[in-house]
Amino acid sequence: MVAANEIREHMEVRAADGGHVGTVDHMEGTSRIKLTRTDSEDGKHHLIPLDWVDHVDAHVHLNKDADTVRREWSTLN
């Protein structure tokens, strides 16, 4: 499992299919990644569970494809 401290602000978040799904705003606690709203098509913050992270290098790589991520993430108003 990936540790929350490996994830930094402004890192690009990529889906398993290589698609861009957002940019890290910050960690929301120790179990969720909050994405920036300025990089979101709907202008809202979205939350991704840390469990979806496959690995971290210069980017945050998820274990789900982009369509699934967008369908299943949590949205903040």
C-alpha atoms as a PDB file:
ATOM      1  CA  MET A   1       0.000   0.000   0.000  1.00  0.00           C
ATOM      2  CA  VAL A   2       1.166   3.522  -0.804  1.00  0.00           C
ATOM      3  CA  ALA A   3       1.867   5.825   2.147  1.00  0.00           C
ATOM      4  CA  ALA A   4       0.032   9.148   2.237  1.00  0.00           C
ATOM      5  CA  ASN A   5       3.317  11.019   2.777  1.00  0.00           C
ATOM      6  CA  GLU A   6       4.486   9.988  -0.718  1.00  0.00           C
ATOM      7  CA  ILE A   7       1.805  12.177  -2.282  1.00  0.00           C
ATOM      8  CA  ARG A   8       2.572  15.878  -2.693  1.00  0.00           C
ATOM      9  CA  GLU A   9       0.586  18.920  -3.751  1.00  0.00           C
ATOM     10  CA  HIS A  10       0.486  19.633  -7.491  1.00  0.00           C
ATOM     11  CA  MET A  11       1.342  16.047  -8.527  1.00  0.00           C
ATOM     12  CA  GLU A  12      -0.501  14.873 -11.621  1.00  0.00           C
ATOM     13  CA  VAL A  13      -2.939  12.003 -11.035  1.00  0.00           C
ATOM     14  CA  ARG A  14      -3.097   9.459 -13.870  1.00  0.00           C
ATOM     15  CA  ALA A  15      -5.560   6.623 -14.359  1.00  0.00           C
ATOM     16  CA  ALA A  16      -4.491   3.058 -15.158  1.00  0.00           C
ATOM     17  CA  ASP A  17      -5.169   3.752 -18.851  1.00  0.00           C
ATOM     18  CA  GLY A  18      -2.786   6.734 -18.732  1.00  0.00           C
ATOM     19  CA  GLY A  19      -5.551   9.330 -18.755  1.00  0.00           C
ATOM     20  CA  HIS A  20      -5.150  12.523 -16.731  1.00  0.00           C
ATOM     21  CA  VAL A  21      -7.801  12.673 -14.001  1.00  0.00           C
ATOM     22  CA  GLY A  22      -6.593  15.624 -11.976  1.00  0.00           C
ATOM     23  CA  THR A  23      -3.956  17.349  -9.898  1.00  0.00           C
ATOM     24  CA  VAL A  24      -3.409  16.831  -6.183  1.00  0.00           C
ATOM     25  CA  ASP A  25      -4.651  19.730  -4.064  1.00  0.00           C
ATOM     26  CA  HIS A  26      -3.692  17.991  -0.809  1.00  0.00           C
ATOM     27  CA  MET A  27      -4.265  14.889   1.271  1.00  0.00           C
ATOM     28  CA  GLU A  28      -7.595  14.913   3.060  1.00  0.00           C
ATOM     29  CA  GLY A  29      -6.623  13.105   6.242  1.00  0.00           C
ATOM     30  CA  THR A  30      -4.557   9.978   5.630  1.00  0.00           C
ATOM     31  CA  SER A  31      -6.932   8.072   3.375  1.00  0.00           C
ATOM     32  CA  ARG A  32      -8.159  10.406   0.604  1.00  0.00           C
ATOM     33  CA  ILE A  33      -6.588  12.596  -2.068  1.00  0.00           C
ATOM     34  CA  LYS A  34      -8.349  15.885  -2.742  1.00  0.00           C
ATOM     35  CA  LEU A  35      -7.986  17.064  -6.342  1.00  0.00           C
ATOM     36  CA  THR A  36      -7.841  20.717  -7.364  1.00  0.00           C
ATOM     37  CA  ARG A  37     -11.049  22.193  -8.677  1.00  0.00           C
ATOM     38  CA  THR A  38      -9.194  24.377 -11.185  1.00  0.00           C
ATOM     39  CA  ASP A  39      -8.127  21.219 -13.041  1.00  0.00           C
ATOM     40  CA  SER A  40     -11.644  19.758 -12.990  1.00  0.00           C
ATOM     41  CA  GLU A  41     -14.111  19.891 -15.889  1.00  0.00           C
ATOM     42  CA  ASP A  42     -16.980  20.725 -13.514  1.00  0.00           C
ATOM     43  CA  GLY A  43     -15.011  23.177 -11.347  1.00  0.00           C
ATOM     44  CA  LYS A  44     -15.470  21.087  -8.199  1.00  0.00           C
ATOM     45  CA  HIS A  45     -13.112  19.292  -5.835  1.00  0.00           C
ATOM     46  CA  HIS A  46     -13.089  15.504  -6.099  1.00  0.00           C
ATOM     47  CA  LEU A  47     -11.836  12.952  -3.571  1.00  0.00           C
ATOM     48  CA  ILE A  48     -10.040   9.738  -4.462  1.00  0.00           C
ATOM     49  CA  PRO A  49      -9.412   6.985  -1.893  1.00  0.00           C
ATOM     50  CA  LEU A  50      -5.766   6.176  -1.254  1.00  0.00           C
ATOM     51  CA  ASP A  51      -6.708   2.531  -1.939  1.00  0.00           C
ATOM     52  CA  TRP A  52      -7.007   3.411  -5.638  1.00  0.00           C
ATOM     53  CA  VAL A  53      -3.320   4.369  -5.848  1.00  0.00           C
ATOM     54  CA  ASP A  54      -1.170   1.737  -7.542  1.00  0.00           C
ATOM     55  CA  HIS A  55       2.158   3.561  -7.170  1.00  0.00           C
ATOM     56  CA  VAL A  56       3.752   6.984  -6.922  1.00  0.00           C
ATOM     57  CA  ASP A  57       6.745   8.305  -8.855  1.00  0.00           C
ATOM     58  CA  ALA A  58       6.701  11.782 -10.394  1.00  0.00           C
ATOM     59  CA  HIS A  59       2.931  11.202 -10.710  1.00  0.00           C
ATOM     60  CA  VAL A  60       0.208   9.465  -8.751  1.00  0.00           C
ATOM     61  CA  HIS A  61      -0.815   6.344 -10.715  1.00  0.00           C
ATOM     62  CA  LEU A  62      -4.219   4.811 -10.050  1.00  0.00           C
ATOM     63  CA  ASN A  63      -5.362   1.214 -10.462  1.00  0.00           C
ATOM     64  CA  LYS A  64      -8.639   2.190 -12.206  1.00  0.00           C
ATOM     65  CA  ASP A  65      -9.270   3.561 -15.690  1.00  0.00           C
ATOM     66  CA  ALA A  66     -10.260   7.223 -16.107  1.00  0.00           C
ATOM     67  CA  ASP A  67     -13.960   6.548 -16.788  1.00  0.00           C
ATOM     68  CA  THR A  68     -14.278   4.424 -13.644  1.00  0.00           C
ATOM     69  CA  VAL A  69     -12.452   7.032 -11.539  1.00  0.00           C
ATOM     70  CA  ARG A  70     -14.778   9.813 -12.704  1.00  0.00           C
ATOM     71  CA  ARG A  71     -17.835   7.640 -12.128  1.00  0.00           C
ATOM     72  CA  GLU A  72     -16.807   6.549  -8.602  1.00  0.00           C
ATOM     73  CA  TRP A  73     -14.954   9.508  -7.042  1.00  0.00           C
ATOM     74  CA  SER A  74     -16.633  11.651  -4.387  1.00  0.00           C
ATOM     75  CA  THR A  75     -17.515  15.231  -5.288  1.00  0.00           C
ATOM     76  CA  LEU A  76     -17.457  18.241  -2.980  1.00  0.00           C
ATOM     77  CA  ASN A  77     -19.646  21.231  -3.796  1.00  0.00           C
END
